[in-house]
Amino acid sequence: MKRWMEALLVPAAAAALAVIPGLGLAGSPSPAVDAAGAPMQVVGYWANDATSGLAGLYKYPHAITDFSPFWYSVNASGGLVSHVDASILAKVRAAHVGITPLVNDATGVQAFLSNPVTRINAARNIADMVKSQHFQGVDIDFEPSHTRLAPELTGFMIDLHDFLPRGSVITMAIVPGSGGAYQYSKITPEINQYVLMSYDQHDDGSAAGPVAATPWVQNILTRLEQSVPANKIDLGVAVYGYVWPKGSTSATTVPYNAVTPIMNKNAKWDVADQETYATYTTSSGPMVAWWESLQGMNQKIQLAKRDHLGGIALWHLGYANDSVYQLLLHQVGRQP
């Protein structure tokens, strides 16, 4: 067994690994494909966190299809605020990885959508940015979603499609439990992919529990598939977890590459939720942790394969280490 695959085995979970579909190790795997026969894509988000490195991306550039850094925000007037890191931009381009920057809502209430002028300004400014920087496209991440602005959001996506250079990739991040915030029948023809943010089932502010239990993810995915073709969905995959003081609802984020030795020592695999957890005691008292281990990430990859999705999307690459990239290469395949 390869050393990186041994990392999938959390204590007391070796038996669970044996039943994970598609985890064969013999030979070089063929690239995973969606229902249309296209290779599954892998979107790697980046939160522009200077404390988290991208060494793995530069080492394994063929593990990722699209690098989607959090580099732009839309303000109330529809203008763009840039957070671009020029040194990272140069390194990613040198690695020949496609870039689809993430654009979020700086106002928090999607203030620019309600006014036709500012809405058009936002669409035009984003399109001009993609064209001037020669990006392969853009990822729209306006959250939290607001149901009352659903028609305006649809109009914005149509305008953005019209303004963007021909052939640009348009990805749209969507949140679970959004009700009628997205007019899928009208938006779907305008974009390439939806990214289903299938994580934070439990987080800071909730009781301790799985970040993304596989049954929970399957439920929200099944609901989305009733409105969106499977090959237009990228499944979000968490590369992190949370630690709670026992009995508390106050949690701290733990990146996968910062999981502590005591967490690993006490790690167990929850068969029902299909996620890794640990209970242990520190100088601060008893703690409860839940996180996506390699085994949990692999469960999401297998789910994407079984449902013939367009791909997966990782939040975020700053939380990954070499073993995450190796998992992608083995289970999804080498990207162009």
C-alpha atoms as a PDB file:
ATOM      1  CA  MET A   1       0.000   0.000   0.000  1.00  0.00           C
ATOM      2  CA  LYS A   2       1.327   3.425  -0.912  1.00  0.00           C
ATOM      3  CA  ARG A   3       2.285   5.662   2.002  1.00  0.00           C
ATOM      4  CA  TRP A   4      -0.176   8.399   1.066  1.00  0.00           C
ATOM      5  CA  MET A   5      -2.977   5.855   1.014  1.00  0.00           C
ATOM      6  CA  GLU A   6      -2.023   4.746   4.512  1.00  0.00           C
ATOM      7  CA  ALA A   7      -2.951   8.248   5.653  1.00  0.00           C
ATOM      8  CA  LEU A   8      -6.560   7.433   4.750  1.00  0.00           C
ATOM      9  CA  LEU A   9      -6.657   4.960   7.613  1.00  0.00           C
ATOM     10  CA  VAL A  10      -7.721   6.741  10.775  1.00  0.00           C
ATOM     11  CA  PRO A  11      -7.450   4.626  13.917  1.00  0.00           C
ATOM     12  CA  ALA A  12     -10.214   2.010  14.235  1.00  0.00           C
ATOM     13  CA  ALA A  13     -11.343   2.711  10.657  1.00  0.00           C
ATOM     14  CA  ALA A  14      -9.417   0.256   8.515  1.00  0.00           C
ATOM     15  CA  ALA A  15     -12.498  -1.870   7.951  1.00  0.00           C
ATOM     16  CA  ALA A  16     -14.485   1.133   6.734  1.00  0.00           C
ATOM     17  CA  LEU A  17     -11.889   1.844   4.045  1.00  0.00           C
ATOM     18  CA  ALA A  18     -12.417  -1.546   2.484  1.00  0.00           C
ATOM     19  CA  VAL A  19     -15.983  -0.690   1.491  1.00  0.00           C
ATOM     20  CA  ILE A  20     -15.223   2.666  -0.143  1.00  0.00           C
ATOM     21  CA  PRO A  21     -16.024   2.280  -3.849  1.00  0.00           C
ATOM     22  CA  GLY A  22     -13.377   2.992  -6.440  1.00  0.00           C
ATOM     23  CA  LEU A  23     -10.407   2.991  -4.071  1.00  0.00           C
ATOM     24  CA  GLY A  24      -8.377   0.432  -6.003  1.00  0.00           C
ATOM     25  CA  LEU A  25      -4.644   0.964  -6.042  1.00  0.00           C
ATOM     26  CA  ALA A  26      -3.461  -1.091  -8.990  1.00  0.00           C
ATOM     27  CA  GLY A  27      -1.893   0.801 -11.840  1.00  0.00           C
ATOM     28  CA  SER A  28      -2.563   4.352 -12.955  1.00  0.00           C
ATOM     29  CA  PRO A  29      -6.248   5.296 -12.755  1.00  0.00           C
ATOM     30  CA  SER A  30      -8.149   6.472 -15.789  1.00  0.00           C
ATOM     31  CA  PRO A  31      -9.495  10.027 -15.471  1.00  0.00           C
ATOM     32  CA  ALA A  32     -12.974  10.206 -13.985  1.00  0.00           C
ATOM     33  CA  VAL A  33     -15.605  11.383 -16.450  1.00  0.00           C
ATOM     34  CA  ASP A  34     -19.081  12.868 -16.123  1.00  0.00           C
ATOM     35  CA  ALA A  35     -22.258  11.624 -17.794  1.00  0.00           C
ATOM     36  CA  ALA A  36     -21.342  13.410 -21.033  1.00  0.00           C
ATOM     37  CA  GLY A  37     -17.949  11.696 -21.144  1.00  0.00           C
ATOM     38  CA  ALA A  38     -16.000  14.844 -20.231  1.00  0.00           C
ATOM     39  CA  PRO A  39     -13.213  14.574 -17.613  1.00  0.00           C
ATOM     40  CA  MET A  40     -14.334  15.612 -14.154  1.00  0.00           C
ATOM     41  CA  GLN A  41     -12.965  19.009 -13.255  1.00  0.00           C
ATOM     42  CA  VAL A  42     -11.337  19.990  -9.970  1.00  0.00           C
ATOM     43  CA  VAL A  43     -11.773  23.586  -8.824  1.00  0.00           C
ATOM     44  CA  GLY A  44      -9.325  24.708  -6.171  1.00  0.00           C
ATOM     45  CA  TYR A  45     -10.457  27.749  -4.223  1.00  0.00           C
ATOM     46  CA  TRP A  46      -7.971  30.016  -2.496  1.00  0.00           C
ATOM     47  CA  ALA A  47      -8.907  32.402   0.310  1.00  0.00           C
ATOM     48  CA  ASN A  48      -5.949  34.745  -0.271  1.00  0.00           C
ATOM     49  CA  ASP A  49      -4.650  33.897   3.187  1.00  0.00           C
ATOM     50  CA  ALA A  50      -0.992  34.827   3.345  1.00  0.00           C
ATOM     51  CA  THR A  51      -0.426  32.352   6.180  1.00  0.00           C
ATOM     52  CA  SER A  52      -1.434  29.361   4.037  1.00  0.00           C
ATOM     53  CA  GLY A  53       0.890  28.148   1.319  1.00  0.00           C
ATOM     54  CA  LEU A  54       0.296  26.977  -2.232  1.00  0.00           C
ATOM     55  CA  ALA A  55       3.397  24.813  -2.498  1.00  0.00           C
ATOM     56  CA  GLY A  56       1.255  21.770  -3.276  1.00  0.00           C
ATOM     57  CA  LEU A  57      -0.391  23.478  -6.250  1.00  0.00           C
ATOM     58  CA  TYR A  58       2.971  24.336  -7.773  1.00  0.00           C
ATOM     59  CA  LYS A  59       4.205  20.791  -7.097  1.00  0.00           C
ATOM     60  CA  TYR A  60       1.082  19.063  -8.462  1.00  0.00           C
ATOM     61  CA  PRO A  61      -0.385  21.473 -11.043  1.00  0.00           C
ATOM     62  CA  HIS A  62      -2.066  18.642 -12.944  1.00  0.00           C
ATOM     63  CA  ALA A  63      -4.276  17.833  -9.950  1.00  0.00           C
ATOM     64  CA  ILE A  64      -6.323  21.019 -10.478  1.00  0.00           C
ATOM     65  CA  THR A  65      -8.403  22.178 -13.430  1.00  0.00           C
ATOM     66  CA  ASP A  66      -9.236  25.677 -12.207  1.00  0.00           C
ATOM     67  CA  PHE A  67      -7.562  27.913  -9.637  1.00  0.00           C
ATOM     68  CA  SER A  68     -10.258  30.156  -8.153  1.00  0.00           C
ATOM     69  CA  PRO A  69      -8.714  32.728  -5.797  1.00  0.00           C
ATOM     70  CA  PHE A  70     -10.782  35.149  -3.711  1.00  0.00           C
ATOM     71  CA  TRP A  71      -9.414  38.207  -5.512  1.00  0.00           C
ATOM     72  CA  TYR A  72     -12.347  40.519  -6.229  1.00  0.00           C
ATOM     73  CA  SER A  73     -15.370  42.027  -4.466  1.00  0.00           C
ATOM     74  CA  VAL A  74     -18.303  44.040  -5.828  1.00  0.00           C
ATOM     75  CA  ASN A  75     -19.196  47.223  -3.950  1.00  0.00           C
ATOM     76  CA  ALA A  76     -22.564  48.987  -3.751  1.00  0.00           C
ATOM     77  CA  SER A  77     -21.956  50.996  -6.932  1.00  0.00           C
ATOM     78  CA  GLY A  78     -21.059  47.895  -8.942  1.00  0.00           C
ATOM     79  CA  GLY A  79     -17.361  48.662  -8.835  1.00  0.00           C
ATOM     80  CA  LEU A  80     -14.693  46.020  -8.310  1.00  0.00           C
ATOM     81  CA  VAL A  81     -12.325  45.965  -5.354  1.00  0.00           C
ATOM     82  CA  SER A  82      -9.160  44.015  -6.165  1.00  0.00           C
ATOM     83  CA  HIS A  83      -7.261  41.743  -3.775  1.00  0.00           C
ATOM     84  CA  VAL A  84      -4.977  40.263  -6.431  1.00  0.00           C
ATOM     85  CA  ASP A  85      -1.637  38.907  -5.262  1.00  0.00           C
ATOM     86  CA  ALA A  86       0.708  39.547  -8.178  1.00  0.00           C
ATOM     87  CA  SER A  87       3.321  37.027  -7.074  1.00  0.00           C
ATOM     88  CA  ILE A  88       0.764  34.200  -6.792  1.00  0.00           C
ATOM     89  CA  LEU A  89      -0.741  35.199 -10.131  1.00  0.00           C
ATOM     90  CA  ALA A  90       2.658  34.884 -11.785  1.00  0.00           C
ATOM     91  CA  LYS A  91       3.415  31.501 -10.182  1.00  0.00           C
ATOM     92  CA  VAL A  92       0.043  29.984 -11.089  1.00  0.00           C
ATOM     93  CA  ARG A  93       0.380  31.169 -14.667  1.00  0.00           C
ATOM     94  CA  ALA A  94       3.875  29.686 -14.809  1.00  0.00           C
ATOM     95  CA  ALA A  95       2.349  26.380 -13.666  1.00  0.00           C
ATOM     96  CA  HIS A  96      -0.154  26.631 -16.567  1.00  0.00           C
ATOM     97  CA  VAL A  97      -3.215  26.265 -14.328  1.00  0.00           C
ATOM     98  CA  GLY A  98      -6.380  27.995 -15.547  1.00  0.00           C
ATOM     99  CA  ILE A  99      -7.546  30.918 -13.383  1.00  0.00           C
ATOM    100  CA  THR A 100     -11.205  31.724 -12.695  1.00  0.00           C
ATOM    101  CA  PRO A 101     -11.096  34.323  -9.914  1.00  0.00           C
ATOM    102  CA  LEU A 102     -13.815  34.374  -7.288  1.00  0.00           C
ATOM    103  CA  VAL A 103     -15.926  37.535  -7.066  1.00  0.00           C
ATOM    104  CA  ASN A 104     -17.936  38.050  -3.890  1.00  0.00           C
ATOM    105  CA  ASP A 105     -20.340  40.655  -2.529  1.00  0.00           C
ATOM    106  CA  ALA A 106     -18.559  43.332  -0.502  1.00  0.00           C
ATOM    107  CA  THR A 107     -21.869  44.767   0.757  1.00  0.00           C
ATOM    108  CA  GLY A 108     -23.188  41.582   2.350  1.00  0.00           C
ATOM    109  CA  VAL A 109     -26.712  42.393   1.142  1.00  0.00           C
ATOM    110  CA  GLN A 110     -26.162  42.357  -2.629  1.00  0.00           C
ATOM    111  CA  ALA A 111     -26.913  46.078  -2.680  1.00  0.00           C
ATOM    112  CA  PHE A 112     -25.784  46.489  -6.299  1.00  0.00           C
ATOM    113  CA  LEU A 113     -28.408  44.037  -7.612  1.00  0.00           C
ATOM    114  CA  SER A 114     -31.523  46.065  -6.801  1.00  0.00           C
ATOM    115  CA  ASN A 115     -30.541  49.015  -8.996  1.00  0.00           C
ATOM    116  CA  PRO A 116     -30.406  48.316 -12.770  1.00  0.00           C
ATOM    117  CA  VAL A 117     -27.550  50.788 -13.226  1.00  0.00           C
ATOM    118  CA  THR A 118     -25.285  49.339 -10.538  1.00  0.00           C
ATOM    119  CA  ARG A 119     -26.207  45.824 -11.611  1.00  0.00           C
ATOM    120  CA  ILE A 120     -25.082  46.546 -15.178  1.00  0.00           C
ATOM    121  CA  ASN A 121     -21.962  48.263 -13.839  1.00  0.00           C
ATOM    122  CA  ALA A 122     -21.061  45.136 -11.861  1.00  0.00           C
ATOM    123  CA  ALA A 123     -21.526  42.817 -14.826  1.00  0.00           C
ATOM    124  CA  ARG A 124     -19.554  45.084 -17.153  1.00  0.00           C
ATOM    125  CA  ASN A 125     -16.706  45.624 -14.673  1.00  0.00           C
ATOM    126  CA  ILE A 126     -16.338  41.890 -14.047  1.00  0.00           C
ATOM    127  CA  ALA A 127     -16.312  41.168 -17.771  1.00  0.00           C
ATOM    128  CA  ASP A 128     -13.719  43.891 -18.382  1.00  0.00           C
ATOM    129  CA  MET A 129     -11.545  42.418 -15.614  1.00  0.00           C
ATOM    130  CA  VAL A 130     -11.680  38.922 -17.134  1.00  0.00           C
ATOM    131  CA  LYS A 131     -10.827  40.292 -20.570  1.00  0.00           C
ATOM    132  CA  SER A 132      -7.999  42.607 -19.490  1.00  0.00           C
ATOM    133  CA  GLN A 133      -6.358  39.972 -17.273  1.00  0.00           C
ATOM    134  CA  HIS A 134      -6.876  37.139 -19.782  1.00  0.00           C
ATOM    135  CA  PHE A 135      -8.521  34.930 -17.160  1.00  0.00           C
ATOM    136  CA  GLN A 136     -10.357  31.873 -18.424  1.00  0.00           C
ATOM    137  CA  GLY A 137     -13.520  32.962 -16.637  1.00  0.00           C
ATOM    138  CA  VAL A 138     -15.011  33.948 -13.297  1.00  0.00           C
ATOM    139  CA  ASP A 139     -16.657  32.400 -10.246  1.00  0.00           C
ATOM    140  CA  ILE A 140     -19.633  34.333  -8.829  1.00  0.00           C
ATOM    141  CA  ASP A 141     -20.027  33.874  -5.076  1.00  0.00           C
ATOM    142  CA  PHE A 142     -22.768  36.180  -3.825  1.00  0.00           C
ATOM    143  CA  GLU A 143     -23.840  35.000  -0.384  1.00  0.00           C
ATOM    144  CA  PRO A 144     -25.863  34.875   1.679  1.00  0.00           C
ATOM    145  CA  SER A 145     -28.433  34.526  -1.061  1.00  0.00           C
ATOM    146  CA  HIS A 146     -31.528  36.763  -0.907  1.00  0.00           C
ATOM    147  CA  THR A 147     -34.768  35.297  -2.241  1.00  0.00           C
ATOM    148  CA  ARG A 148     -36.317  38.716  -2.861  1.00  0.00           C
ATOM    149  CA  LEU A 149     -33.501  39.482  -5.314  1.00  0.00           C
ATOM    150  CA  ALA A 150     -33.810  36.249  -7.302  1.00  0.00           C
ATOM    151  CA  PRO A 151     -35.012  37.978 -10.523  1.00  0.00           C
ATOM    152  CA  GLU A 152     -32.264  40.591 -10.227  1.00  0.00           C
ATOM    153  CA  LEU A 153     -29.618  37.918  -9.721  1.00  0.00           C
ATOM    154  CA  THR A 154     -30.880  36.139 -12.833  1.00  0.00           C
ATOM    155  CA  GLY A 155     -30.708  39.382 -14.794  1.00  0.00           C
ATOM    156  CA  PHE A 156     -27.173  39.964 -13.591  1.00  0.00           C
ATOM    157  CA  MET A 157     -26.043  36.505 -14.716  1.00  0.00           C
ATOM    158  CA  ILE A 158     -27.590  37.030 -18.157  1.00  0.00           C
ATOM    159  CA  ASP A 159     -25.864  40.414 -18.506  1.00  0.00           C
ATOM    160  CA  LEU A 160     -22.557  38.965 -17.318  1.00  0.00           C
ATOM    161  CA  HIS A 161     -22.764  36.196 -19.906  1.00  0.00           C
ATOM    162  CA  ASP A 162     -23.417  38.751 -22.624  1.00  0.00           C
ATOM    163  CA  PHE A 163     -20.518  41.014 -21.597  1.00  0.00           C
ATOM    164  CA  LEU A 164     -17.877  38.336 -21.065  1.00  0.00           C
ATOM    165  CA  PRO A 165     -15.493  37.373 -23.873  1.00  0.00           C
ATOM    166  CA  ARG A 166     -16.837  34.515 -25.941  1.00  0.00           C
ATOM    167  CA  GLY A 167     -15.897  31.133 -24.470  1.00  0.00           C
ATOM    168  CA  SER A 168     -15.369  32.422 -20.934  1.00  0.00           C
ATOM    169  CA  VAL A 169     -16.133  30.012 -18.098  1.00  0.00           C
ATOM    170  CA  ILE A 170     -18.864  31.150 -15.693  1.00  0.00           C
ATOM    171  CA  THR A 171     -19.154  29.327 -12.385  1.00  0.00           C
ATOM    172  CA  MET A 172     -21.682  30.172  -9.679  1.00  0.00           C
ATOM    173  CA  ALA A 173     -21.310  29.130  -6.040  1.00  0.00           C
ATOM    174  CA  ILE A 174     -24.628  28.310  -4.368  1.00  0.00           C
ATOM    175  CA  VAL A 175     -25.482  27.667  -0.734  1.00  0.00           C
ATOM    176  CA  PRO A 176     -27.678  24.849   0.598  1.00  0.00           C
ATOM    177  CA  GLY A 177     -31.068  25.722   2.043  1.00  0.00           C
ATOM    178  CA  SER A 178     -31.434  28.825  -0.120  1.00  0.00           C
ATOM    179  CA  GLY A 179     -35.124  28.390  -0.866  1.00  0.00           C
ATOM    180  CA  GLY A 180     -36.106  30.295  -4.002  1.00  0.00           C
ATOM    181  CA  ALA A 181     -32.994  32.447  -4.232  1.00  0.00           C
ATOM    182  CA  TYR A 182     -31.876  30.894  -7.518  1.00  0.00           C
ATOM    183  CA  GLN A 183     -34.021  30.739 -10.656  1.00  0.00           C
ATOM    184  CA  TYR A 184     -32.281  27.638 -11.956  1.00  0.00           C
ATOM    185  CA  SER A 185     -34.284  27.263 -15.149  1.00  0.00           C
ATOM    186  CA  LYS A 186     -33.209  30.738 -16.256  1.00  0.00           C
ATOM    187  CA  ILE A 187     -29.658  30.806 -14.885  1.00  0.00           C
ATOM    188  CA  THR A 188     -28.529  27.354 -16.012  1.00  0.00           C
ATOM    189  CA  PRO A 189     -28.320  28.216 -19.746  1.00  0.00           C
ATOM    190  CA  GLU A 190     -26.102  31.211 -18.893  1.00  0.00           C
ATOM    191  CA  ILE A 191     -23.386  29.431 -16.920  1.00  0.00           C
ATOM    192  CA  ASN A 192     -21.023  26.474 -17.160  1.00  0.00           C
ATOM    193  CA  GLN A 193     -21.134  25.118 -13.621  1.00  0.00           C
ATOM    194  CA  TYR A 194     -22.740  25.490 -10.214  1.00  0.00           C
ATOM    195  CA  VAL A 195     -20.561  24.840  -7.189  1.00  0.00           C
ATOM    196  CA  LEU A 196     -22.705  23.343  -4.438  1.00  0.00           C
ATOM    197  CA  MET A 197     -21.223  24.532  -1.158  1.00  0.00           C
ATOM    198  CA  SER A 198     -21.943  21.231   0.547  1.00  0.00           C
ATOM    199  CA  TYR A 199     -20.262  21.920   3.856  1.00  0.00           C
ATOM    200  CA  ASP A 200     -20.762  23.512   7.266  1.00  0.00           C
ATOM    201  CA  GLN A 201     -23.613  21.298   8.302  1.00  0.00           C
ATOM    202  CA  HIS A 202     -22.138  22.125  11.723  1.00  0.00           C
ATOM    203  CA  ASP A 203     -19.772  25.012  12.427  1.00  0.00           C
ATOM    204  CA  ASP A 204     -19.047  27.864  14.814  1.00  0.00           C
ATOM    205  CA  GLY A 205     -22.378  28.687  16.415  1.00  0.00           C
ATOM    206  CA  SER A 206     -23.799  25.176  16.309  1.00  0.00           C
ATOM    207  CA  ALA A 207     -23.389  22.122  18.501  1.00  0.00           C
ATOM    208  CA  ALA A 208     -20.515  19.817  17.617  1.00  0.00           C
ATOM    209  CA  GLY A 209     -21.157  17.587  14.621  1.00  0.00           C
ATOM    210  CA  PRO A 210     -19.948  16.638  11.140  1.00  0.00           C
ATOM    211  CA  VAL A 211     -18.862  19.354   8.733  1.00  0.00           C
ATOM    212  CA  ALA A 212     -20.500  17.516   5.837  1.00  0.00           C
ATOM    213  CA  ALA A 213     -22.003  14.125   6.652  1.00  0.00           C
ATOM    214  CA  THR A 214     -22.305  12.136   3.447  1.00  0.00           C
ATOM    215  CA  PRO A 215     -26.059  11.446   3.907  1.00  0.00           C
ATOM    216  CA  TRP A 216     -26.651  15.182   4.411  1.00  0.00           C
ATOM    217  CA  VAL A 217     -24.619  16.002   1.306  1.00  0.00           C
ATOM    218  CA  GLN A 218     -26.504  13.376  -0.700  1.00  0.00           C
ATOM    219  CA  ASN A 219     -29.838  14.898   0.359  1.00  0.00           C
ATOM    220  CA  ILE A 220     -28.989  18.438  -0.746  1.00  0.00           C
ATOM    221  CA  LEU A 221     -27.370  17.142  -3.927  1.00  0.00           C
ATOM    222  CA  THR A 222     -30.436  15.073  -4.811  1.00  0.00           C
ATOM    223  CA  ARG A 223     -32.620  18.136  -4.351  1.00  0.00           C
ATOM    224  CA  LEU A 224     -30.391  20.234  -6.616  1.00  0.00           C
ATOM    225  CA  GLU A 225     -30.354  17.527  -9.279  1.00  0.00           C
ATOM    226  CA  GLN A 226     -34.120  17.930  -9.614  1.00  0.00           C
ATOM    227  CA  SER A 227     -33.464  21.413 -11.061  1.00  0.00           C
ATOM    228  CA  VAL A 228     -29.957  21.251 -12.541  1.00  0.00           C
ATOM    229  CA  PRO A 229     -28.281  18.678 -14.843  1.00  0.00           C
ATOM    230  CA  ALA A 230     -25.761  16.603 -12.882  1.00  0.00           C
ATOM    231  CA  ASN A 231     -22.918  17.440 -15.251  1.00  0.00           C
ATOM    232  CA  LYS A 232     -23.391  21.135 -14.418  1.00  0.00           C
ATOM    233  CA  ILE A 233     -22.766  20.555 -10.700  1.00  0.00           C
ATOM    234  CA  ASP A 234     -19.407  20.632  -8.937  1.00  0.00           C
ATOM    235  CA  LEU A 235     -19.593  19.169  -5.440  1.00  0.00           C
ATOM    236  CA  GLY A 236     -17.981  21.261  -2.726  1.00  0.00           C
ATOM    237  CA  VAL A 237     -15.415  19.424  -0.610  1.00  0.00           C
ATOM    238  CA  ALA A 238     -14.238  20.779   2.725  1.00  0.00           C
ATOM    239  CA  VAL A 239     -10.507  20.635   3.429  1.00  0.00           C
ATOM    240  CA  TYR A 240     -10.907  21.509   7.088  1.00  0.00           C
ATOM    241  CA  GLY A 241     -12.851  20.820  10.265  1.00  0.00           C
ATOM    242  CA  TYR A 242     -13.886  22.359  13.574  1.00  0.00           C
ATOM    243  CA  VAL A 243     -12.963  21.893  17.216  1.00  0.00           C
ATOM    244  CA  TRP A 244     -15.461  22.614  19.998  1.00  0.00           C
ATOM    245  CA  PRO A 245     -14.943  22.652  23.763  1.00  0.00           C
ATOM    246  CA  LYS A 246     -17.252  19.855  24.914  1.00  0.00           C
ATOM    247  CA  GLY A 247     -20.800  21.183  25.381  1.00  0.00           C
ATOM    248  CA  SER A 248     -20.017  24.506  23.661  1.00  0.00           C
ATOM    249  CA  THR A 249     -21.314  25.996  20.405  1.00  0.00           C
ATOM    250  CA  SER A 250     -18.138  28.043  19.914  1.00  0.00           C
ATOM    251  CA  ALA A 251     -15.870  26.334  17.380  1.00  0.00           C
ATOM    252  CA  THR A 252     -12.428  26.986  15.921  1.00  0.00           C
ATOM    253  CA  THR A 253     -11.579  26.133  12.306  1.00  0.00           C
ATOM    254  CA  VAL A 254      -8.824  23.547  11.856  1.00  0.00           C
ATOM    255  CA  PRO A 255      -7.319  23.266   8.343  1.00  0.00           C
ATOM    256  CA  TYR A 256      -6.632  19.710   7.216  1.00  0.00           C
ATOM    257  CA  ASN A 257      -2.917  20.469   7.059  1.00  0.00           C
ATOM    258  CA  ALA A 258      -3.037  21.654  10.698  1.00  0.00           C
ATOM    259  CA  VAL A 259      -4.841  18.682  12.259  1.00  0.00           C
ATOM    260  CA  THR A 260      -2.997  18.141  15.538  1.00  0.00           C
ATOM    261  CA  PRO A 261      -1.257  14.959  16.709  1.00  0.00           C
ATOM    262  CA  ILE A 262      -3.753  14.555  19.553  1.00  0.00           C
ATOM    263  CA  MET A 263      -6.629  14.739  17.056  1.00  0.00           C
ATOM    264  CA  ASN A 264      -5.026  12.064  14.883  1.00  0.00           C
ATOM    265  CA  LYS A 265      -4.238   9.899  17.897  1.00  0.00           C
ATOM    266  CA  ASN A 266      -7.887   9.907  18.995  1.00  0.00           C
ATOM    267  CA  ALA A 267      -9.438   9.895  15.513  1.00  0.00           C
ATOM    268  CA  LYS A 268     -12.378   7.605  14.787  1.00  0.00           C
ATOM    269  CA  TRP A 269     -14.487   7.044  11.689  1.00  0.00           C
ATOM    270  CA  ASP A 270     -18.214   7.623  12.068  1.00  0.00           C
ATOM    271  CA  VAL A 271     -19.770   4.970   9.837  1.00  0.00           C
ATOM    272  CA  ALA A 272     -23.209   6.628   9.697  1.00  0.00           C
ATOM    273  CA  ASP A 273     -22.018  10.170   8.921  1.00  0.00           C
ATOM    274  CA  GLN A 274     -18.894   9.005   7.053  1.00  0.00           C
ATOM    275  CA  GLU A 275     -16.661  11.619   8.607  1.00  0.00           C
ATOM    276  CA  THR A 276     -13.746  11.618  11.047  1.00  0.00           C
ATOM    277  CA  TYR A 277     -14.131  12.822  14.642  1.00  0.00           C
ATOM    278  CA  ALA A 278     -12.205  12.769  17.905  1.00  0.00           C
ATOM    279  CA  THR A 279     -12.840  13.413  21.575  1.00  0.00           C
ATOM    280  CA  TYR A 280      -9.848  14.256  23.738  1.00  0.00           C
ATOM    281  CA  THR A 281      -8.683  16.458  26.585  1.00  0.00           C
ATOM    282  CA  THR A 282      -6.225  19.353  26.497  1.00  0.00           C
ATOM    283  CA  SER A 283      -5.091  21.859  29.105  1.00  0.00           C
ATOM    284  CA  SER A 284      -8.227  23.808  28.196  1.00  0.00           C
ATOM    285  CA  GLY A 285     -10.498  20.869  29.001  1.00  0.00           C
ATOM    286  CA  PRO A 286     -12.396  18.186  27.036  1.00  0.00           C
ATOM    287  CA  MET A 287     -12.704  18.846  23.283  1.00  0.00           C
ATOM    288  CA  VAL A 288     -14.722  17.471  20.356  1.00  0.00           C
ATOM    289  CA  ALA A 289     -13.414  17.688  16.785  1.00  0.00           C
ATOM    290  CA  TRP A 290     -14.963  16.809  13.435  1.00  0.00           C
ATOM    291  CA  TRP A 291     -13.059  17.145  10.170  1.00  0.00           C
ATOM    292  CA  GLU A 292     -12.776  15.910   6.607  1.00  0.00           C
ATOM    293  CA  SER A 293      -9.910  13.444   6.585  1.00  0.00           C
ATOM    294  CA  LEU A 294      -8.617  11.991   3.328  1.00  0.00           C
ATOM    295  CA  GLN A 295     -11.139   9.208   3.821  1.00  0.00           C
ATOM    296  CA  GLY A 296     -13.979  11.726   4.067  1.00  0.00           C
ATOM    297  CA  MET A 297     -12.746  13.691   1.055  1.00  0.00           C
ATOM    298  CA  ASN A 298     -12.610  10.461  -0.908  1.00  0.00           C
ATOM    299  CA  GLN A 299     -16.247   9.739   0.006  1.00  0.00           C
ATOM    300  CA  LYS A 300     -17.248  13.029  -1.620  1.00  0.00           C
ATOM    301  CA  ILE A 301     -15.202  12.240  -4.731  1.00  0.00           C
ATOM    302  CA  GLN A 302     -16.902   8.855  -5.009  1.00  0.00           C
ATOM    303  CA  LEU A 303     -20.310  10.504  -4.573  1.00  0.00           C
ATOM    304  CA  ALA A 304     -19.497  12.914  -7.405  1.00  0.00           C
ATOM    305  CA  LYS A 305     -18.517   9.950  -9.584  1.00  0.00           C
ATOM    306  CA  ARG A 306     -21.630   7.932  -8.764  1.00  0.00           C
ATOM    307  CA  ASP A 307     -23.913  10.860  -9.571  1.00  0.00           C
ATOM    308  CA  HIS A 308     -21.926  11.683 -12.747  1.00  0.00           C
ATOM    309  CA  LEU A 309     -21.299  15.254 -11.602  1.00  0.00           C
ATOM    310  CA  GLY A 310     -19.211  17.706 -13.559  1.00  0.00           C
ATOM    311  CA  GLY A 311     -16.540  17.790 -10.881  1.00  0.00           C
ATOM    312  CA  ILE A 312     -15.597  18.778  -7.368  1.00  0.00           C
ATOM    313  CA  ALA A 313     -14.496  22.041  -5.765  1.00  0.00           C
ATOM    314  CA  LEU A 314     -12.180  22.261  -2.756  1.00  0.00           C
ATOM    315  CA  TRP A 315     -12.382  24.947  -0.080  1.00  0.00           C
ATOM    316  CA  HIS A 316      -9.585  25.762   0.041  1.00  0.00           C
ATOM    317  CA  LEU A 317      -6.121  24.955  -1.288  1.00  0.00           C
ATOM    318  CA  GLY A 318      -4.395  26.781   1.554  1.00  0.00           C
ATOM    319  CA  TYR A 319      -5.699  24.025   3.830  1.00  0.00           C
ATOM    320  CA  ALA A 320      -4.326  21.184   1.698  1.00  0.00           C
ATOM    321  CA  ASN A 321      -1.061  19.271   1.901  1.00  0.00           C
ATOM    322  CA  ASP A 322       0.651  16.946  -0.579  1.00  0.00           C
ATOM    323  CA  SER A 323      -1.567  13.998   0.333  1.00  0.00           C
ATOM    324  CA  VAL A 324      -4.697  15.904  -0.776  1.00  0.00           C
ATOM    325  CA  TYR A 325      -3.212  16.553  -4.230  1.00  0.00           C
ATOM    326  CA  GLN A 326      -2.106  12.927  -4.471  1.00  0.00           C
ATOM    327  CA  LEU A 327      -5.638  11.805  -3.603  1.00  0.00           C
ATOM    328  CA  LEU A 328      -7.007  13.990  -6.403  1.00  0.00           C
ATOM    329  CA  LEU A 329      -4.527  12.625  -8.923  1.00  0.00           C
ATOM    330  CA  HIS A 330      -5.312   9.052  -7.969  1.00  0.00           C
ATOM    331  CA  GLN A 331      -9.099   9.274  -7.681  1.00  0.00           C
ATOM    332  CA  VAL A 332      -9.964  11.899 -10.309  1.00  0.00           C
ATOM    333  CA  GLY A 333      -6.979  11.660 -12.620  1.00  0.00           C
ATOM    334  CA  ARG A 334      -4.349  13.867 -14.179  1.00  0.00           C
ATOM    335  CA  GLN A 335      -5.783  17.114 -15.500  1.00  0.00           C
ATOM    336  CA  PRO A 336      -4.682  18.564 -18.852  1.00  0.00           C
END
